[in-house]
């Protein structure tokens, strides 16, 4: 039987770092619209839903072809509200209406730098590893921000963050480390219900390219993402 796959786009109205960021213009369309359009192009997503508490974001979603059937309750939309609460609320709402899903795909609108085919490529990877994996997370290699280069300040003095014996290597000798970015998260629904996280015992990696290692949290991020997106659009 074919898996039913839910595309879930979390988009709160509130944001302290960049107020109203999900509806701010990015290269000619609202930030959230990029993720909506990318999700709608997927060949595998059975259904895509935007979880938002904002009527303005709902109007943007509907203007880009994705009806918003309900607004997220306020108690699930605070600054400290975990996204897992919004996910489980949406799954329950859908199941009450007879729509059950096997796989959850979470797409953060603050990570719009997806390549053509990233969503479906990640889903295909997950399906190939389905018997041995329960979740998937997109990761990008960390470069100059590596913990091997990090410092901390103690009493005004700059000191290595890691023990000294770990940092005296040439760059080529350093162990590769990765950071999870919001290009795509995925999990079997039942595994997510049990753990409420995508970081499970059997989570596999979906590697992304260096230029995709940006998320929009403040104005500086928006400027960087806009510049990268404009350059990528020129190359197509």
Protein backbone atom coordinates (compact mmCIF):
# COMPACT_ATOMS: atom_id res chain seq x y z
CA UNK A 1 0.00 0.00 0.00
CA UNK A 2 1.34 3.43 -0.90
CA UNK A 3 2.36 5.66 2.01
CA UNK A 4 0.27 8.73 2.69
CA UNK A 5 2.62 11.65 3.23
CA UNK A 6 1.68 14.92 4.92
CA UNK A 7 3.55 18.13 4.13
CA UNK A 8 3.44 20.39 7.20
CA UNK A 9 4.46 24.07 7.05
CA UNK A 10 4.61 25.78 10.48
CA UNK A 11 4.18 29.55 10.15
CA UNK A 12 3.42 31.55 13.28
CA UNK A 13 2.44 35.19 12.99
CA UNK A 14 4.72 36.28 15.83
CA UNK A 15 8.48 36.76 15.49
CA UNK A 16 10.79 38.77 17.73
CA UNK A 17 13.89 38.60 15.54
CA UNK A 18 12.12 39.87 12.42
CA UNK A 19 8.49 40.89 13.01
CA UNK A 20 6.06 39.54 10.43
CA UNK A 21 8.87 37.69 8.63
CA UNK A 22 6.68 35.01 7.05
CA UNK A 23 4.83 37.59 4.98
CA UNK A 24 7.78 39.90 4.24
CA UNK A 25 8.75 40.07 0.53
CA UNK A 26 11.65 37.92 -0.61
CA UNK A 27 12.62 38.19 -4.28
CA UNK A 28 9.12 39.15 -5.34
CA UNK A 29 6.90 37.02 -3.09
CA UNK A 30 6.22 36.56 0.63
CA UNK A 31 8.77 34.41 2.47
CA UNK A 32 6.25 31.67 3.29
CA UNK A 33 5.09 31.50 -0.33
CA UNK A 34 8.41 30.00 -1.46
CA UNK A 35 7.95 26.95 0.75
CA UNK A 36 4.28 26.63 -0.17
CA UNK A 37 5.11 26.58 -3.89
CA UNK A 38 7.98 24.13 -3.39
CA UNK A 39 5.70 21.77 -1.45
CA UNK A 40 2.93 21.96 -4.03
CA UNK A 41 5.38 20.81 -6.72
CA UNK A 42 6.15 17.57 -4.88
CA UNK A 43 5.10 14.34 -6.58
CA UNK A 44 4.91 12.49 -3.26
CA UNK A 45 3.11 14.74 -0.77
CA UNK A 46 -0.47 13.50 -0.43
CA UNK A 47 -1.57 16.74 1.24
CA UNK A 48 0.09 19.99 2.32
CA UNK A 49 -1.16 22.08 5.21
CA UNK A 50 -0.03 25.39 6.69
CA UNK A 51 -0.33 25.61 10.47
CA UNK A 52 -0.68 29.27 11.41
CA UNK A 53 -2.38 31.50 13.94
CA UNK A 54 -2.25 34.47 11.56
CA UNK A 55 -5.14 35.43 9.24
CA UNK A 56 -2.60 37.36 7.12
CA UNK A 57 -0.43 34.26 6.60
CA UNK A 58 -3.58 32.27 5.84
CA UNK A 59 -4.50 34.77 3.13
CA UNK A 60 -1.01 34.52 1.62
CA UNK A 61 -1.25 30.71 1.60
CA UNK A 62 -4.64 30.79 -0.07
CA UNK A 63 -3.39 33.32 -2.64
CA UNK A 64 -0.68 30.78 -3.55
CA UNK A 65 -3.09 27.90 -3.99
CA UNK A 66 -3.13 26.36 -0.52
CA UNK A 67 -6.34 26.74 1.52
CA UNK A 68 -5.91 27.00 5.30
CA UNK A 69 -8.78 25.04 6.88
CA UNK A 70 -8.24 26.32 10.45
CA UNK A 71 -6.17 28.76 12.48
CA UNK A 72 -3.81 27.35 15.07
CA UNK A 73 -5.00 27.99 18.66
CA UNK A 74 -3.22 30.79 20.50
CA UNK A 75 -1.92 28.48 23.23
CA UNK A 76 0.04 26.59 20.54
CA UNK A 77 1.46 29.75 19.00
CA UNK A 78 3.47 31.36 21.78
CA UNK A 79 7.20 32.03 21.54
CA UNK A 80 7.87 29.04 23.78
CA UNK A 81 5.36 26.69 22.13
CA UNK A 82 7.14 23.59 20.77
CA UNK A 83 6.45 22.83 17.12
CA UNK A 84 5.58 19.28 18.15
CA UNK A 85 2.38 20.57 19.79
CA UNK A 86 1.32 22.18 16.51
CA UNK A 87 2.17 19.01 14.57
CA UNK A 88 0.18 16.75 16.86
CA UNK A 89 -2.73 19.20 16.89
CA UNK A 90 -2.84 19.16 13.08
CA UNK A 91 -2.58 15.36 12.89
CA UNK A 92 -5.46 15.03 15.36
CA UNK A 93 -7.56 17.56 13.41
CA UNK A 94 -6.99 15.67 10.17
CA UNK A 95 -7.65 12.26 11.71
CA UNK A 96 -10.96 13.46 13.12
CA UNK A 97 -11.92 14.00 9.49
CA UNK A 98 -10.72 10.61 8.32
CA UNK A 99 -7.36 11.71 6.90
CA UNK A 100 -4.56 9.61 8.35
CA UNK A 101 -0.90 9.74 7.31
CA UNK A 102 2.08 7.43 7.49
CA UNK A 103 4.88 9.97 7.04
CA UNK A 104 5.25 13.55 8.22
CA UNK A 105 7.36 16.03 6.23
CA UNK A 106 8.01 19.34 7.99
CA UNK A 107 9.16 22.26 5.86
CA UNK A 108 10.22 25.43 7.63
CA UNK A 109 9.31 28.59 5.68
CA UNK A 110 12.41 30.25 7.12
CA UNK A 111 14.56 27.86 5.03
CA UNK A 112 13.48 28.66 1.46
CA UNK A 113 16.84 27.79 -0.17
CA UNK A 114 15.72 24.42 -1.49
CA UNK A 115 17.01 23.06 -4.76
CA UNK A 116 14.55 21.88 -7.38
CA UNK A 117 13.74 18.34 -6.34
CA UNK A 118 15.06 18.55 -2.76
CA UNK A 119 11.74 17.59 -1.21
CA UNK A 120 11.16 14.61 -3.46
CA UNK A 121 14.81 13.60 -3.30
CA UNK A 122 14.67 13.46 0.49
CA UNK A 123 11.40 11.50 0.41
CA UNK A 124 12.89 9.00 -2.05
CA UNK A 125 15.94 8.56 0.19
CA UNK A 126 13.71 7.97 3.20
CA UNK A 127 11.55 5.45 1.36
CA UNK A 128 14.64 3.54 0.25
CA UNK A 129 15.79 3.33 3.88
CA UNK A 130 12.27 2.88 5.27
CA UNK A 131 12.91 -0.46 6.98
CA UNK A 132 16.00 0.81 8.81
CA UNK A 133 15.13 4.47 9.41
CA UNK A 134 12.37 6.26 11.32
CA UNK A 135 13.29 9.88 10.59
CA UNK A 136 15.35 12.15 8.34
CA UNK A 137 16.94 15.56 8.89
CA UNK A 138 18.61 17.90 6.38
CA UNK A 139 22.15 18.77 7.45
CA UNK A 140 24.82 21.11 6.13
CA UNK A 141 28.52 20.87 6.83
CA UNK A 142 29.74 23.51 9.25
CA UNK A 143 32.75 25.47 8.04
CA UNK A 144 34.26 28.46 9.86
CA UNK A 145 31.61 28.16 12.57
CA UNK A 146 32.96 24.72 13.51
CA UNK A 147 33.31 24.09 17.26
CA UNK A 148 37.01 23.45 16.59
CA UNK A 149 37.37 27.18 15.87
CA UNK A 150 35.03 28.39 18.61
CA UNK A 151 36.23 30.46 21.53
CA UNK A 152 34.68 31.45 24.82
CA UNK A 153 35.30 34.49 27.00
CA UNK A 154 36.18 33.99 30.66
CA UNK A 155 36.95 37.02 32.81
CA UNK A 156 37.46 38.99 29.62
CA UNK A 157 40.00 36.56 28.17
CA UNK A 158 39.54 34.67 24.87
CA UNK A 159 40.00 30.94 25.43
CA UNK A 160 39.41 27.80 23.36
CA UNK A 161 35.88 26.44 23.62
CA UNK A 162 37.16 22.87 23.22
CA UNK A 163 40.16 21.42 25.09
CA UNK A 164 43.42 22.69 23.62
CA UNK A 165 44.50 19.26 22.40
CA UNK A 166 41.49 19.18 20.08
CA UNK A 167 42.09 22.48 18.29
CA UNK A 168 45.71 22.42 17.16
CA UNK A 169 45.13 20.82 13.77
CA UNK A 170 45.36 21.98 10.22
CA UNK A 171 41.95 22.70 8.76
CA UNK A 172 42.14 19.65 6.49
CA UNK A 173 42.64 17.41 9.55
CA UNK A 174 39.60 18.59 11.46
CA UNK A 175 36.69 16.22 11.86
CA UNK A 176 33.68 17.20 9.73
CA UNK A 177 30.73 18.40 11.74
CA UNK A 178 27.20 19.18 10.60
CA UNK A 179 24.32 21.41 11.61
CA UNK A 180 20.62 20.65 10.99
CA UNK A 181 18.91 23.19 8.76
CA UNK A 182 15.19 23.50 8.10
CA UNK A 183 15.24 22.50 4.43
CA UNK A 184 13.40 19.29 5.35
CA UNK A 185 12.54 17.16 8.37
CA UNK A 186 10.77 13.84 8.08
CA UNK A 187 9.46 11.09 10.32
CA UNK A 188 7.14 8.15 10.38
CA UNK A 189 4.03 9.52 12.06
CA UNK A 190 3.86 6.90 14.79
CA UNK A 191 7.55 7.35 15.60
CA UNK A 192 7.00 11.10 15.90
CA UNK A 193 4.04 10.60 18.21
CA UNK A 194 6.22 8.56 20.55
CA UNK A 195 9.29 10.81 20.53
CA UNK A 196 7.89 14.28 19.59
CA UNK A 197 11.18 14.92 17.77
CA UNK A 198 12.91 14.26 14.45
CA UNK A 199 16.13 13.35 16.29
CA UNK A 200 15.41 9.72 16.97
CA UNK A 201 17.57 6.63 17.35
CA UNK A 202 17.27 5.91 13.64
CA UNK A 203 17.45 9.35 12.02
CA UNK A 204 19.26 9.53 8.68
CA UNK A 205 20.91 12.56 7.08
CA UNK A 206 19.92 14.41 3.94
CA UNK A 207 23.01 16.49 3.01
CA UNK A 208 22.50 19.96 1.55
CA UNK A 209 24.95 22.29 -0.20
CA UNK A 210 26.92 25.13 1.40
CA UNK A 211 24.73 27.89 -0.05
CA UNK A 212 21.65 26.32 1.54
CA UNK A 213 23.03 26.73 5.07
CA UNK A 214 20.96 29.85 5.83
CA UNK A 215 17.74 30.36 7.77
CA UNK A 216 15.77 33.59 8.13
CA UNK A 217 15.68 34.61 11.78
CA UNK A 218 16.52 38.31 11.52
CA UNK A 219 17.03 41.10 8.97
CA UNK A 220 20.65 40.14 8.28
CA UNK A 221 19.57 36.59 7.44
CA UNK A 222 16.91 37.94 5.10
CA UNK A 223 19.48 40.05 3.27
CA UNK A 224 21.82 37.05 2.88
CA UNK A 225 19.08 34.69 1.73
CA UNK A 226 17.78 37.28 -0.73
CA UNK A 227 21.24 37.72 -2.27
CA UNK A 228 21.77 33.95 -2.56
CA UNK A 229 18.33 33.40 -4.04
CA UNK A 230 18.84 36.14 -6.63
CA UNK A 231 22.13 34.54 -7.68
CA UNK A 232 20.55 31.09 -7.92
CA UNK A 233 17.63 32.44 -9.96
CA UNK A 234 20.07 33.99 -12.43
CA UNK A 235 21.70 30.62 -12.98
CA UNK A 236 18.46 28.90 -13.97
